[in-house]
Amino acid sequence: MTQRAAGSNAVELTGELSARGEPYVLATVVWRRSPSSGQVGSKAVITADGRSRGWLGGACAEPAVVAEARRALAEGTPRLMLLGTPDELAGEHRAGVVTVPIACQSEGALEVYVEPVVPAPHLVVIGRSPAAEALAGMGEALGWRTQLVAAEETMGSDFDAAGVADRSFVVIATQGHFDEAALERALGSDAAYVGLVASARRAESVKGYLRDRGVDQAQLDRIHAPAGLDLGHVRPEEIAVAILAELVQLKAKGLAGGVKGAAISAGHEAVDPVCGMTVRVSDAGHRVVHDGVTYYFCSAGCRAAFEKDPASFLSVPGG
């Protein structure tokens, strides 16, 4: 269900999401034409799963903004949306403006600025070795949220306090002091990346120990070992460079530490056959089954128009 709240509450939510390291989109109405229910300055926060909190406008505008917000978040680029009647948009050709036809009976219009906010990557380094300290320092220099878990005695509680999530990078660089315990803790999290600084031989030994401890193969396969790009035999500081290079590479490819991998699933969206708007299936309040096929609509008006004359909105094969 879509949650609605005052615009001020939506802004407060951005602070909570940022503190948790979760990406989101801030959508703001920057222009309106009456009788649109959205007001200039109205805001909504849309998360990666397509849920919205705040208020932008009525049932016609909101699904379109949510769909475009998810695309913006996946691509990491902001955009300006113009939502209006098909006739109004026919002559609209401004560069960089995404036009979305809506079939609202009010015939209002909105411009909405859609801004994705992707928190800095989260890096947790475990160990007190020179490589661990160098990696933590480099992560901070890049502006990443970086935490160094150095003490073996408090490793468990310190790791839990780090708030490792599904976009976090975890690198174990204890140099053999408590690799096994640190890996068990890391594999128990949702971390996008778990790396071990060790030789290939040492890494296999550690995996064998964990296997004997009951850790299943799927979890063991998550371990990147040796961590980092293969630069040969190098100094601890250079090991840190190699690891950071691998993490940057994974982030750039959208394989970890970001949101590009969270592509929009077309199977969860449908196109309103009346107005052409994208409708999120799970939230669609208006649907009709016609000849065994379920059609989804943005509003009661579109549903009623379809029910009155379905054939006029459906393509005819061979026609």
C-alpha atoms as a PDB file:
ATOM      1  CA  MET A   1       0.000   0.000   0.000  1.00  0.00           C
ATOM      2  CA  THR A   2       1.150   3.529  -0.723  1.00  0.00           C
ATOM      3  CA  GLN A   3       1.698   5.512   2.434  1.00  0.00           C
ATOM      4  CA  ARG A   4       0.748   9.186   2.515  1.00  0.00           C
ATOM      5  CA  ALA A   5       1.965  11.820   4.923  1.00  0.00           C
ATOM      6  CA  ALA A   6       2.615  15.534   5.014  1.00  0.00           C
ATOM      7  CA  GLY A   7       5.512  16.837   2.937  1.00  0.00           C
ATOM      8  CA  SER A   8       7.451  17.659   6.101  1.00  0.00           C
ATOM      9  CA  ASN A   9       7.241  14.020   7.170  1.00  0.00           C
ATOM     10  CA  ALA A  10       8.549  12.968   3.774  1.00  0.00           C
ATOM     11  CA  VAL A  11      11.583  15.203   4.252  1.00  0.00           C
ATOM     12  CA  GLU A  12      12.149  13.769   7.726  1.00  0.00           C
ATOM     13  CA  LEU A  13      12.122  10.313   6.151  1.00  0.00           C
ATOM     14  CA  THR A  14      15.050  11.277   3.906  1.00  0.00           C
ATOM     15  CA  GLY A  15      17.179  11.696   7.025  1.00  0.00           C
ATOM     16  CA  GLU A  16      16.180   8.274   8.308  1.00  0.00           C
ATOM     17  CA  LEU A  17      16.906   6.597   4.967  1.00  0.00           C
ATOM     18  CA  SER A  18      20.271   8.339   4.634  1.00  0.00           C
ATOM     19  CA  ALA A  19      21.225   7.271   8.164  1.00  0.00           C
ATOM     20  CA  ARG A  20      20.455   3.669   7.206  1.00  0.00           C
ATOM     21  CA  GLY A  21      22.325   3.991   3.925  1.00  0.00           C
ATOM     22  CA  GLU A  22      19.220   3.283   1.826  1.00  0.00           C
ATOM     23  CA  PRO A  23      18.783   4.870  -1.627  1.00  0.00           C
ATOM     24  CA  TYR A  24      15.637   6.807  -2.402  1.00  0.00           C
ATOM     25  CA  VAL A  25      14.132   9.395  -4.748  1.00  0.00           C
ATOM     26  CA  LEU A  26      12.895  12.818  -3.674  1.00  0.00           C
ATOM     27  CA  ALA A  27      10.123  13.983  -6.005  1.00  0.00           C
ATOM     28  CA  THR A  28       9.021  17.622  -5.815  1.00  0.00           C
ATOM     29  CA  VAL A  29       6.201  19.445  -7.618  1.00  0.00           C
ATOM     30  CA  VAL A  30       7.800  22.517  -9.217  1.00  0.00           C
ATOM     31  CA  TRP A  31       4.837  23.703 -11.340  1.00  0.00           C
ATOM     32  CA  ARG A  32       1.129  22.984 -11.525  1.00  0.00           C
ATOM     33  CA  ARG A  33      -1.920  23.994 -13.464  1.00  0.00           C
ATOM     34  CA  SER A  34      -5.265  23.890 -11.707  1.00  0.00           C
ATOM     35  CA  PRO A  35      -7.239  21.904 -10.921  1.00  0.00           C
ATOM     36  CA  SER A  36      -4.387  19.484 -10.111  1.00  0.00           C
ATOM     37  CA  SER A  37      -4.465  18.345  -6.488  1.00  0.00           C
ATOM     38  CA  GLY A  38      -0.687  18.588  -6.260  1.00  0.00           C
ATOM     39  CA  GLN A  39       0.720  21.889  -5.000  1.00  0.00           C
ATOM     40  CA  VAL A  40       4.030  23.580  -5.820  1.00  0.00           C
ATOM     41  CA  GLY A  41       6.474  22.369  -3.198  1.00  0.00           C
ATOM     42  CA  SER A  42       4.600  19.131  -2.511  1.00  0.00           C
ATOM     43  CA  LYS A  43       7.077  16.323  -1.957  1.00  0.00           C
ATOM     44  CA  ALA A  44       7.181  12.556  -1.844  1.00  0.00           C
ATOM     45  CA  VAL A  45       9.930  10.073  -1.056  1.00  0.00           C
ATOM     46  CA  ILE A  46       9.993   6.933  -3.202  1.00  0.00           C
ATOM     47  CA  THR A  47      12.133   3.963  -2.173  1.00  0.00           C
ATOM     48  CA  ALA A  48      13.738   1.355  -4.414  1.00  0.00           C
ATOM     49  CA  ASP A  49      10.808  -1.046  -3.979  1.00  0.00           C
ATOM     50  CA  GLY A  50       8.415   1.567  -5.376  1.00  0.00           C
ATOM     51  CA  ARG A  51       6.758   2.567  -2.131  1.00  0.00           C
ATOM     52  CA  SER A  52       5.906   6.235  -1.729  1.00  0.00           C
ATOM     53  CA  ARG A  53       5.450   8.491   1.277  1.00  0.00           C
ATOM     54  CA  GLY A  54       4.243  12.043   0.884  1.00  0.00           C
ATOM     55  CA  TRP A  55       1.866  13.718  -1.542  1.00  0.00           C
ATOM     56  CA  LEU A  56       2.307  14.749  -5.173  1.00  0.00           C
ATOM     57  CA  GLY A  57      -1.169  14.546  -6.620  1.00  0.00           C
ATOM     58  CA  GLY A  58      -4.072  12.250  -7.271  1.00  0.00           C
ATOM     59  CA  ALA A  59      -4.408   8.724  -8.543  1.00  0.00           C
ATOM     60  CA  CYS A  60      -3.452   9.697 -12.092  1.00  0.00           C
ATOM     61  CA  ALA A  61      -0.123  11.336 -11.267  1.00  0.00           C
ATOM     62  CA  GLU A  62       1.250   9.203  -8.471  1.00  0.00           C
ATOM     63  CA  PRO A  63       1.738   5.861 -10.301  1.00  0.00           C
ATOM     64  CA  ALA A  64       3.498   7.616 -13.185  1.00  0.00           C
ATOM     65  CA  VAL A  65       5.853   9.461 -10.838  1.00  0.00           C
ATOM     66  CA  VAL A  66       6.632   6.283  -8.890  1.00  0.00           C
ATOM     67  CA  ALA A  67       7.460   4.378 -12.092  1.00  0.00           C
ATOM     68  CA  GLU A  68       9.749   7.165 -13.342  1.00  0.00           C
ATOM     69  CA  ALA A  69      11.347   7.507  -9.909  1.00  0.00           C
ATOM     70  CA  ARG A  70      12.330   3.845  -9.920  1.00  0.00           C
ATOM     71  CA  ARG A  71      13.901   4.278 -13.350  1.00  0.00           C
ATOM     72  CA  ALA A  72      15.774   7.356 -12.150  1.00  0.00           C
ATOM     73  CA  LEU A  73      17.087   5.453  -9.138  1.00  0.00           C
ATOM     74  CA  ALA A  74      18.207   2.496 -11.249  1.00  0.00           C
ATOM     75  CA  GLU A  75      20.033   4.849 -13.638  1.00  0.00           C
ATOM     76  CA  GLY A  76      21.257   7.267 -10.972  1.00  0.00           C
ATOM     77  CA  THR A  77      20.188  10.368 -12.917  1.00  0.00           C
ATOM     78  CA  PRO A  78      17.646  13.109 -12.056  1.00  0.00           C
ATOM     79  CA  ARG A  79      14.958  14.260 -14.472  1.00  0.00           C
ATOM     80  CA  LEU A  80      12.054  16.647 -14.903  1.00  0.00           C
ATOM     81  CA  MET A  81       8.631  15.162 -15.624  1.00  0.00           C
ATOM     82  CA  LEU A  82       5.691  16.895 -17.272  1.00  0.00           C
ATOM     83  CA  LEU A  83       2.352  15.204 -16.693  1.00  0.00           C
ATOM     84  CA  GLY A  84      -0.609  16.442 -18.702  1.00  0.00           C
ATOM     85  CA  THR A  85      -3.295  15.523 -21.184  1.00  0.00           C
ATOM     86  CA  PRO A  86      -2.213  13.786 -24.415  1.00  0.00           C
ATOM     87  CA  ASP A  87      -3.303  16.801 -26.475  1.00  0.00           C
ATOM     88  CA  GLU A  88      -1.240  19.148 -24.334  1.00  0.00           C
ATOM     89  CA  LEU A  89       1.875  16.994 -24.586  1.00  0.00           C
ATOM     90  CA  ALA A  90       1.643  16.538 -28.351  1.00  0.00           C
ATOM     91  CA  GLY A  91       3.537  19.777 -28.979  1.00  0.00           C
ATOM     92  CA  GLU A  92       5.955  19.454 -26.048  1.00  0.00           C
ATOM     93  CA  HIS A  93       9.564  18.958 -27.181  1.00  0.00           C
ATOM     94  CA  ARG A  94      11.776  20.373 -24.424  1.00  0.00           C
ATOM     95  CA  ALA A  95      15.113  18.573 -24.228  1.00  0.00           C
ATOM     96  CA  GLY A  96      15.568  16.545 -21.081  1.00  0.00           C
ATOM     97  CA  VAL A  97      11.896  16.632 -20.073  1.00  0.00           C
ATOM     98  CA  VAL A  98      10.089  13.322 -19.671  1.00  0.00           C
ATOM     99  CA  THR A  99       6.500  13.726 -20.846  1.00  0.00           C
ATOM    100  CA  VAL A 100       3.828  11.451 -19.422  1.00  0.00           C
ATOM    101  CA  PRO A 101       0.261  11.575 -20.703  1.00  0.00           C
ATOM    102  CA  ILE A 102      -2.398  11.200 -18.030  1.00  0.00           C
ATOM    103  CA  ALA A 103      -6.103  10.847 -18.639  1.00  0.00           C
ATOM    104  CA  CYS A 104      -7.414  12.631 -15.565  1.00  0.00           C
ATOM    105  CA  GLN A 105     -10.904  14.072 -15.791  1.00  0.00           C
ATOM    106  CA  SER A 106      -9.685  17.230 -14.047  1.00  0.00           C
ATOM    107  CA  GLU A 107      -7.307  17.984 -16.977  1.00  0.00           C
ATOM    108  CA  GLY A 108      -4.786  19.508 -14.590  1.00  0.00           C
ATOM    109  CA  ALA A 109      -1.029  19.330 -15.211  1.00  0.00           C
ATOM    110  CA  LEU A 110       2.140  18.989 -13.138  1.00  0.00           C
ATOM    111  CA  GLU A 111       5.898  19.328 -13.470  1.00  0.00           C
ATOM    112  CA  VAL A 112       7.761  17.128 -11.025  1.00  0.00           C
ATOM    113  CA  TYR A 113      11.513  17.132 -10.403  1.00  0.00           C
ATOM    114  CA  VAL A 114      12.686  13.594  -9.685  1.00  0.00           C
ATOM    115  CA  GLU A 115      16.022  13.398  -7.858  1.00  0.00           C
ATOM    116  CA  PRO A 116      17.635  10.057  -6.942  1.00  0.00           C
ATOM    117  CA  VAL A 117      19.717  10.065  -3.771  1.00  0.00           C
ATOM    118  CA  VAL A 118      22.219   7.216  -3.564  1.00  0.00           C
ATOM    119  CA  PRO A 119      24.155   7.117  -0.276  1.00  0.00           C
ATOM    120  CA  ALA A 120      27.921   6.739  -0.353  1.00  0.00           C
ATOM    121  CA  PRO A 121      29.124   3.123  -0.438  1.00  0.00           C
ATOM    122  CA  HIS A 122      29.441   1.439   2.938  1.00  0.00           C
ATOM    123  CA  LEU A 123      32.761  -0.251   3.684  1.00  0.00           C
ATOM    124  CA  VAL A 124      33.452  -2.311   6.800  1.00  0.00           C
ATOM    125  CA  VAL A 125      37.067  -3.428   7.278  1.00  0.00           C
ATOM    126  CA  ILE A 126      37.831  -6.076   9.899  1.00  0.00           C
ATOM    127  CA  GLY A 127      41.357  -6.360  11.280  1.00  0.00           C
ATOM    128  CA  ARG A 128      44.220  -4.289  12.619  1.00  0.00           C
ATOM    129  CA  SER A 129      46.799  -5.168   9.968  1.00  0.00           C
ATOM    130  CA  PRO A 130      48.588  -2.517   7.888  1.00  0.00           C
ATOM    131  CA  ALA A 131      46.441  -3.509   4.892  1.00  0.00           C
ATOM    132  CA  ALA A 132      43.253  -3.058   6.943  1.00  0.00           C
ATOM    133  CA  GLU A 133      44.280   0.371   8.183  1.00  0.00           C
ATOM    134  CA  ALA A 134      45.359   1.470   4.712  1.00  0.00           C
ATOM    135  CA  LEU A 135      42.088   0.284   3.147  1.00  0.00           C
ATOM    136  CA  ALA A 136      39.993   2.066   5.771  1.00  0.00           C
ATOM    137  CA  GLY A 137      41.940   5.262   5.198  1.00  0.00           C
ATOM    138  CA  MET A 138      41.473   5.069   1.435  1.00  0.00           C
ATOM    139  CA  GLY A 139      37.766   4.403   1.806  1.00  0.00           C
ATOM    140  CA  GLU A 140      37.402   7.517   3.938  1.00  0.00           C
ATOM    141  CA  ALA A 141      39.419   9.532   1.400  1.00  0.00           C
ATOM    142  CA  LEU A 142      36.883   8.529  -1.274  1.00  0.00           C
ATOM    143  CA  GLY A 143      34.043   9.764   0.875  1.00  0.00           C
ATOM    144  CA  TRP A 144      32.709   6.275   1.577  1.00  0.00           C
ATOM    145  CA  ARG A 145      31.045   5.458   4.887  1.00  0.00           C
ATOM    146  CA  THR A 146      33.919   3.494   6.354  1.00  0.00           C
ATOM    147  CA  GLN A 147      34.187   1.599   9.634  1.00  0.00           C
ATOM    148  CA  LEU A 148      37.243  -0.215  10.950  1.00  0.00           C
ATOM    149  CA  VAL A 149      36.534  -3.143  13.280  1.00  0.00           C
ATOM    150  CA  ALA A 150      39.963  -3.731  14.764  1.00  0.00           C
ATOM    151  CA  ALA A 151      39.591  -5.461  18.130  1.00  0.00           C
ATOM    152  CA  GLU A 152      39.063  -9.213  18.177  1.00  0.00           C
ATOM    153  CA  GLU A 153      37.490  -9.085  21.647  1.00  0.00           C
ATOM    154  CA  THR A 154      34.636  -6.800  20.550  1.00  0.00           C
ATOM    155  CA  MET A 155      34.474  -7.830  16.896  1.00  0.00           C
ATOM    156  CA  GLY A 156      30.978  -9.322  17.128  1.00  0.00           C
ATOM    157  CA  SER A 157      29.306  -6.336  18.774  1.00  0.00           C
ATOM    158  CA  ASP A 158      31.296  -3.824  16.714  1.00  0.00           C
ATOM    159  CA  PHE A 159      30.304  -5.599  13.500  1.00  0.00           C
ATOM    160  CA  ASP A 160      26.636  -5.634  14.501  1.00  0.00           C
ATOM    161  CA  ALA A 161      26.815  -1.933  15.334  1.00  0.00           C
ATOM    162  CA  ALA A 162      28.218  -1.193  11.864  1.00  0.00           C
ATOM    163  CA  GLY A 163      24.789  -1.831  10.350  1.00  0.00           C
ATOM    164  CA  VAL A 164      25.894  -4.050   7.469  1.00  0.00           C
ATOM    165  CA  ALA A 165      23.161  -4.203   4.807  1.00  0.00           C
ATOM    166  CA  ASP A 166      22.678  -5.553   1.302  1.00  0.00           C
ATOM    167  CA  ARG A 167      24.792  -2.801  -0.301  1.00  0.00           C
ATOM    168  CA  SER A 168      27.715  -3.038   2.149  1.00  0.00           C
ATOM    169  CA  PHE A 169      31.249  -4.163   1.355  1.00  0.00           C
ATOM    170  CA  VAL A 170      32.976  -6.230   4.064  1.00  0.00           C
ATOM    171  CA  VAL A 171      36.691  -6.957   3.881  1.00  0.00           C
ATOM    172  CA  ILE A 172      38.457  -9.219   6.391  1.00  0.00           C
ATOM    173  CA  ALA A 173      42.142  -8.385   6.761  1.00  0.00           C
ATOM    174  CA  THR A 174      43.175  -9.824  10.127  1.00  0.00           C
ATOM    175  CA  GLN A 175      46.220 -11.548   8.582  1.00  0.00           C
ATOM    176  CA  GLY A 176      45.237 -14.853  10.172  1.00  0.00           C
ATOM    177  CA  HIS A 177      44.417 -13.613  13.660  1.00  0.00           C
ATOM    178  CA  PHE A 178      40.648 -14.136  13.594  1.00  0.00           C
ATOM    179  CA  ASP A 179      39.736 -14.676   9.943  1.00  0.00           C
ATOM    180  CA  GLU A 180      37.369 -17.558  10.663  1.00  0.00           C
ATOM    181  CA  ALA A 181      35.289 -15.769  13.299  1.00  0.00           C
ATOM    182  CA  ALA A 182      35.145 -12.609  11.209  1.00  0.00           C
ATOM    183  CA  LEU A 183      34.053 -14.522   8.099  1.00  0.00           C
ATOM    184  CA  GLU A 184      31.327 -16.361   9.990  1.00  0.00           C
ATOM    185  CA  ARG A 185      29.991 -13.028  11.185  1.00  0.00           C
ATOM    186  CA  ALA A 186      30.183 -11.467   7.727  1.00  0.00           C
ATOM    187  CA  LEU A 187      28.513 -14.411   6.014  1.00  0.00           C
ATOM    188  CA  GLY A 188      25.671 -14.134   8.507  1.00  0.00           C
ATOM    189  CA  SER A 189      24.910 -10.673   7.142  1.00  0.00           C
ATOM    190  CA  ASP A 190      23.365  -9.488   3.853  1.00  0.00           C
ATOM    191  CA  ALA A 191      26.627  -7.871   2.700  1.00  0.00           C
ATOM    192  CA  ALA A 192      26.908  -7.460  -1.070  1.00  0.00           C
ATOM    193  CA  TYR A 193      30.610  -8.300  -0.938  1.00  0.00           C
ATOM    194  CA  VAL A 194      32.661 -10.384   1.518  1.00  0.00           C
ATOM    195  CA  GLY A 195      36.391 -10.367   0.819  1.00  0.00           C
ATOM    196  CA  LEU A 196      39.273 -12.114   2.573  1.00  0.00           C
ATOM    197  CA  VAL A 197      42.843 -10.851   2.430  1.00  0.00           C
ATOM    198  CA  ALA A 198      44.800 -14.102   2.283  1.00  0.00           C
ATOM    199  CA  SER A 199      46.726 -16.306  -0.084  1.00  0.00           C
ATOM    200  CA  ALA A 200      44.731 -18.775  -2.163  1.00  0.00           C
ATOM    201  CA  ARG A 201      46.097 -21.620  -0.014  1.00  0.00           C
ATOM    202  CA  ARG A 202      45.184 -19.898   3.235  1.00  0.00           C
ATOM    203  CA  ALA A 203      41.722 -19.042   1.884  1.00  0.00           C
ATOM    204  CA  GLU A 204      40.997 -22.682   1.068  1.00  0.00           C
ATOM    205  CA  SER A 205      42.071 -23.688   4.574  1.00  0.00           C
ATOM    206  CA  VAL A 206      39.710 -21.134   6.100  1.00  0.00           C
ATOM    207  CA  LYS A 207      36.852 -22.278   3.872  1.00  0.00           C
ATOM    208  CA  GLY A 208      37.510 -25.874   4.895  1.00  0.00           C
ATOM    209  CA  TYR A 209      37.290 -24.929   8.560  1.00  0.00           C
ATOM    210  CA  LEU A 210      34.010 -23.094   7.991  1.00  0.00           C
ATOM    211  CA  ARG A 211      32.643 -26.016   5.982  1.00  0.00           C
ATOM    212  CA  ASP A 212      33.385 -28.320   8.905  1.00  0.00           C
ATOM    213  CA  ARG A 213      31.569 -25.838  11.124  1.00  0.00           C
ATOM    214  CA  GLY A 214      28.425 -26.323   9.053  1.00  0.00           C
ATOM    215  CA  VAL A 215      28.599 -23.289   6.768  1.00  0.00           C
ATOM    216  CA  ASP A 216      26.960 -24.347   3.484  1.00  0.00           C
ATOM    217  CA  GLN A 217      28.634 -24.085   0.098  1.00  0.00           C
ATOM    218  CA  ALA A 218      26.371 -21.311  -1.153  1.00  0.00           C
ATOM    219  CA  GLN A 219      27.627 -19.100   1.658  1.00  0.00           C
ATOM    220  CA  LEU A 220      31.247 -20.095   1.119  1.00  0.00           C
ATOM    221  CA  ASP A 221      30.897 -19.172  -2.562  1.00  0.00           C
ATOM    222  CA  ARG A 222      30.194 -15.574  -1.496  1.00  0.00           C
ATOM    223  CA  ILE A 223      33.786 -15.187  -0.294  1.00  0.00           C
ATOM    224  CA  HIS A 224      36.100 -13.239  -2.604  1.00  0.00           C
ATOM    225  CA  ALA A 225      39.550 -14.627  -1.893  1.00  0.00           C
ATOM    226  CA  PRO A 226      42.137 -13.453  -2.409  1.00  0.00           C
ATOM    227  CA  ALA A 227      40.328 -10.104  -2.193  1.00  0.00           C
ATOM    228  CA  GLY A 228      41.173  -7.429  -4.745  1.00  0.00           C
ATOM    229  CA  LEU A 229      42.565  -7.313  -8.254  1.00  0.00           C
ATOM    230  CA  ASP A 230      45.567  -9.539  -8.870  1.00  0.00           C
ATOM    231  CA  LEU A 231      48.594  -7.231  -8.750  1.00  0.00           C
ATOM    232  CA  GLY A 232      51.073  -9.920  -7.829  1.00  0.00           C
ATOM    233  CA  HIS A 233      53.275  -9.749  -4.730  1.00  0.00           C
ATOM    234  CA  VAL A 234      52.823  -6.216  -3.385  1.00  0.00           C
ATOM    235  CA  ARG A 235      53.090  -4.208  -0.165  1.00  0.00           C
ATOM    236  CA  PRO A 236      50.143  -3.859   2.300  1.00  0.00           C
ATOM    237  CA  GLU A 237      49.272  -0.380   1.037  1.00  0.00           C
ATOM    238  CA  GLU A 238      49.196  -1.704  -2.514  1.00  0.00           C
ATOM    239  CA  ILE A 239      46.991  -4.605  -1.420  1.00  0.00           C
ATOM    240  CA  ALA A 240      44.559  -1.986  -0.152  1.00  0.00           C
ATOM    241  CA  VAL A 241      44.674  -0.248  -3.546  1.00  0.00           C
ATOM    242  CA  ALA A 242      43.957  -3.553  -5.306  1.00  0.00           C
ATOM    243  CA  ILE A 243      40.957  -4.242  -3.067  1.00  0.00           C
ATOM    244  CA  LEU A 244      39.540  -0.761  -3.440  1.00  0.00           C
ATOM    245  CA  ALA A 245      39.954  -1.000  -7.214  1.00  0.00           C
ATOM    246  CA  GLU A 246      37.872  -4.200  -7.223  1.00  0.00           C
ATOM    247  CA  LEU A 247      35.169  -2.592  -5.089  1.00  0.00           C
ATOM    248  CA  VAL A 248      35.018   0.474  -7.331  1.00  0.00           C
ATOM    249  CA  GLN A 249      34.769  -1.819 -10.356  1.00  0.00           C
ATOM    250  CA  LEU A 250      31.875  -3.783  -8.827  1.00  0.00           C
ATOM    251  CA  LYS A 251      30.107  -0.578  -7.855  1.00  0.00           C
ATOM    252  CA  ALA A 252      30.501   0.892 -11.356  1.00  0.00           C
ATOM    253  CA  LYS A 253      29.034  -2.258 -12.893  1.00  0.00           C
ATOM    254  CA  GLY A 254      26.104  -2.167 -10.492  1.00  0.00           C
ATOM    255  CA  LEU A 255      26.983  -5.597  -9.115  1.00  0.00           C
ATOM    256  CA  ALA A 256      27.362  -4.452  -5.508  1.00  0.00           C
ATOM    257  CA  GLY A 257      27.332  -1.374  -3.336  1.00  0.00           C
ATOM    258  CA  GLY A 258      24.780   0.510  -5.460  1.00  0.00           C
ATOM    259  CA  VAL A 259      21.289   0.307  -6.899  1.00  0.00           C
ATOM    260  CA  LYS A 260      21.872  -0.275 -10.601  1.00  0.00           C
ATOM    261  CA  GLY A 261      21.404  -4.001 -10.114  1.00  0.00           C
ATOM    262  CA  ALA A 262      17.890  -3.366  -8.810  1.00  0.00           C
ATOM    263  CA  ALA A 263      16.369  -3.139 -12.270  1.00  0.00           C
ATOM    264  CA  ILE A 264      12.644  -2.620 -12.609  1.00  0.00           C
ATOM    265  CA  SER A 265      10.815  -5.861 -13.147  1.00  0.00           C
ATOM    266  CA  ALA A 266       8.473  -5.493 -16.090  1.00  0.00           C
ATOM    267  CA  GLY A 267       6.460  -8.410 -14.743  1.00  0.00           C
ATOM    268  CA  HIS A 268       5.258  -6.175 -11.908  1.00  0.00           C
ATOM    269  CA  GLU A 269       4.012  -3.371 -14.140  1.00  0.00           C
ATOM    270  CA  ALA A 270       1.278  -3.070 -16.725  1.00  0.00           C
ATOM    271  CA  VAL A 271       0.112  -0.428 -19.174  1.00  0.00           C
ATOM    272  CA  ASP A 272      -3.335   1.090 -18.776  1.00  0.00           C
ATOM    273  CA  PRO A 273      -4.945   0.332 -22.184  1.00  0.00           C
ATOM    274  CA  VAL A 274      -7.014   3.527 -22.014  1.00  0.00           C
ATOM    275  CA  CYS A 275      -4.482   6.251 -21.203  1.00  0.00           C
ATOM    276  CA  GLY A 276      -1.178   4.433 -21.729  1.00  0.00           C
ATOM    277  CA  MET A 277       0.081   5.053 -18.202  1.00  0.00           C
ATOM    278  CA  THR A 278       2.305   2.555 -16.421  1.00  0.00           C
ATOM    279  CA  VAL A 279       0.491   0.930 -13.502  1.00  0.00           C
ATOM    280  CA  ARG A 280       2.164  -1.005 -10.709  1.00  0.00           C
ATOM    281  CA  VAL A 281       0.275  -4.307 -10.628  1.00  0.00           C
ATOM    282  CA  SER A 282       0.657  -4.931  -6.893  1.00  0.00           C
ATOM    283  CA  ASP A 283      -0.908  -1.558  -6.052  1.00  0.00           C
ATOM    284  CA  ALA A 284      -3.497  -1.376  -8.830  1.00  0.00           C
ATOM    285  CA  GLY A 285      -6.898  -0.695  -7.329  1.00  0.00           C
ATOM    286  CA  HIS A 286      -8.715  -0.864 -10.676  1.00  0.00           C
ATOM    287  CA  ARG A 287      -8.616  -4.011 -12.788  1.00  0.00           C
ATOM    288  CA  VAL A 288     -10.891  -5.821 -15.212  1.00  0.00           C
ATOM    289  CA  VAL A 289     -10.786  -9.384 -16.552  1.00  0.00           C
ATOM    290  CA  HIS A 290     -11.764  -9.417 -20.228  1.00  0.00           C
ATOM    291  CA  ASP A 291     -11.629 -12.588 -22.363  1.00  0.00           C
ATOM    292  CA  GLY A 292      -9.463 -14.235 -19.711  1.00  0.00           C
ATOM    293  CA  VAL A 293      -6.904 -11.399 -19.596  1.00  0.00           C
ATOM    294  CA  THR A 294      -6.520  -9.050 -16.629  1.00  0.00           C
ATOM    295  CA  TYR A 295      -6.165  -5.357 -17.486  1.00  0.00           C
ATOM    296  CA  TYR A 296      -4.998  -2.757 -14.972  1.00  0.00           C
ATOM    297  CA  PHE A 297      -6.038   0.889 -14.815  1.00  0.00           C
ATOM    298  CA  CYS A 298      -4.731   4.053 -13.197  1.00  0.00           C
ATOM    299  CA  SER A 299      -8.177   5.300 -12.169  1.00  0.00           C
ATOM    300  CA  ALA A 300     -11.859   4.508 -12.015  1.00  0.00           C
ATOM    301  CA  GLY A 301     -12.418   6.713 -15.063  1.00  0.00           C
ATOM    302  CA  CYS A 302     -10.135   4.650 -17.279  1.00  0.00           C
ATOM    303  CA  ARG A 303     -11.634   1.423 -15.982  1.00  0.00           C
ATOM    304  CA  ALA A 304     -15.169   2.650 -16.700  1.00  0.00           C
ATOM    305  CA  ALA A 305     -14.221   3.729 -20.228  1.00  0.00           C
ATOM    306  CA  PHE A 306     -12.742   0.297 -20.916  1.00  0.00           C
ATOM    307  CA  GLU A 307     -15.738  -1.548 -19.505  1.00  0.00           C
ATOM    308  CA  LYS A 308     -18.058   0.492 -21.718  1.00  0.00           C
ATOM    309  CA  ASP A 309     -16.242  -0.411 -24.950  1.00  0.00           C
ATOM    310  CA  PRO A 310     -13.211  -2.760 -24.525  1.00  0.00           C
ATOM    311  CA  ALA A 311     -12.774  -3.299 -28.275  1.00  0.00           C
ATOM    312  CA  SER A 312     -11.959   0.348 -28.895  1.00  0.00           C
ATOM    313  CA  PHE A 313      -8.912   0.130 -26.623  1.00  0.00           C
ATOM    314  CA  LEU A 314      -7.553  -3.229 -27.738  1.00  0.00           C
ATOM    315  CA  SER A 315      -5.544  -3.804 -30.909  1.00  0.00           C
ATOM    316  CA  VAL A 316      -7.101  -6.147 -33.426  1.00  0.00           C
ATOM    317  CA  PRO A 317      -4.683  -8.754 -34.872  1.00  0.00           C
ATOM    318  CA  GLY A 318      -4.333  -8.312 -38.604  1.00  0.00           C
ATOM    319  CA  GLY A 319      -6.258  -5.041 -38.440  1.00  0.00           C
END
